[in-house]
Amino acid sequence: MNNWQKVFYHEQLHKVELVKLILENHELKPVIINRRDSSYNNFGYYEIHVSPDHVLQAIKIIKDDIDFK
């Protein structure tokens, strides 16, 4: 997992969980990385990483299928 790449990040966990669920529905295996400050939990964000083989597919899915408006 050392070479997995970030395809999405956001400060709100529920949005990251939604993106992860959509990527899982497309048979990708995304993981969430918590980059939030553990002391205050006010700073930082959550990241979604996928394997290098799935980066382009994940980015396309996020761009085409997800709209938080």
Protein backbone atom coordinates (compact mmCIF):
# COMPACT_ATOMS: atom_id res chain seq x y z
CA MET A 1 0.00 0.00 0.00
CA ASN A 2 3.03 2.28 0.03
CA ASN A 3 2.51 3.31 -3.57
CA TRP A 4 -1.25 3.93 -3.40
CA GLN A 5 -2.28 7.38 -4.55
CA LYS A 6 -4.64 10.02 -3.25
CA VAL A 7 -7.65 10.60 -5.51
CA PHE A 8 -9.86 12.68 -3.21
CA TYR A 9 -9.71 14.64 0.02
CA HIS A 10 -12.12 16.68 2.09
CA GLU A 11 -12.53 18.05 5.62
CA GLN A 12 -15.93 16.43 6.17
CA LEU A 13 -15.89 12.71 6.88
CA HIS A 14 -19.43 12.05 5.60
CA LYS A 15 -18.49 13.30 2.12
CA VAL A 16 -15.36 11.16 2.10
CA GLU A 17 -17.39 8.13 3.20
CA LEU A 18 -19.86 8.77 0.36
CA VAL A 19 -17.06 8.89 -2.23
CA LYS A 20 -15.56 5.71 -0.76
CA LEU A 21 -18.92 3.94 -1.02
CA ILE A 22 -19.36 4.98 -4.66
CA LEU A 23 -15.85 3.77 -5.53
CA GLU A 24 -16.55 0.47 -3.76
CA ASN A 25 -19.72 0.09 -5.82
CA HIS A 26 -17.49 0.28 -8.91
CA GLU A 27 -15.46 -2.62 -7.48
CA LEU A 28 -12.47 -0.50 -6.47
CA LYS A 29 -10.92 -0.96 -3.04
CA PRO A 30 -10.43 2.57 -1.67
CA VAL A 31 -9.07 3.31 1.79
CA ILE A 32 -9.57 6.39 3.92
CA ILE A 33 -6.52 8.02 5.49
CA ASN A 34 -7.20 10.30 8.45
CA ARG A 35 -5.02 13.43 8.27
CA ARG A 36 -6.95 15.27 11.00
CA ASP A 37 -5.10 16.74 13.98
CA SER A 38 -5.70 14.31 16.83
CA SER A 39 -5.43 16.97 19.55
CA TYR A 40 -8.02 19.44 18.36
CA ASN A 41 -9.77 17.67 15.46
CA ASN A 42 -10.22 21.09 13.81
CA PHE A 43 -7.35 20.96 11.36
CA GLY A 44 -6.64 18.64 8.47
CA TYR A 45 -8.71 16.44 6.23
CA TYR A 46 -9.48 12.89 5.20
CA GLU A 47 -7.99 11.34 2.05
CA ILE A 48 -9.09 8.50 -0.19
CA HIS A 49 -6.31 6.41 -1.69
CA VAL A 50 -6.53 3.72 -4.37
CA SER A 51 -4.02 1.40 -5.95
CA PRO A 52 -2.02 2.82 -8.88
CA ASP A 53 -3.93 0.58 -11.30
CA HIS A 54 -7.23 2.26 -10.38
CA VAL A 55 -6.23 5.93 -10.14
CA LEU A 56 -7.53 7.07 -13.52
CA GLN A 57 -10.76 5.11 -13.16
CA ALA A 58 -11.36 6.51 -9.66
CA ILE A 59 -10.72 10.09 -10.76
CA LYS A 60 -13.14 9.69 -13.66
CA ILE A 61 -15.84 8.25 -11.39
CA ILE A 62 -15.40 11.08 -8.89
CA LYS A 63 -15.51 13.71 -11.62
CA ASP A 64 -18.47 12.27 -13.54
CA ASP A 65 -20.66 10.70 -10.83
CA ILE A 66 -20.29 12.83 -7.71
CA ASP A 67 -21.69 16.31 -7.14
CA PHE A 68 -21.96 17.77 -3.64
CA LYS A 69 -24.04 20.78 -4.65
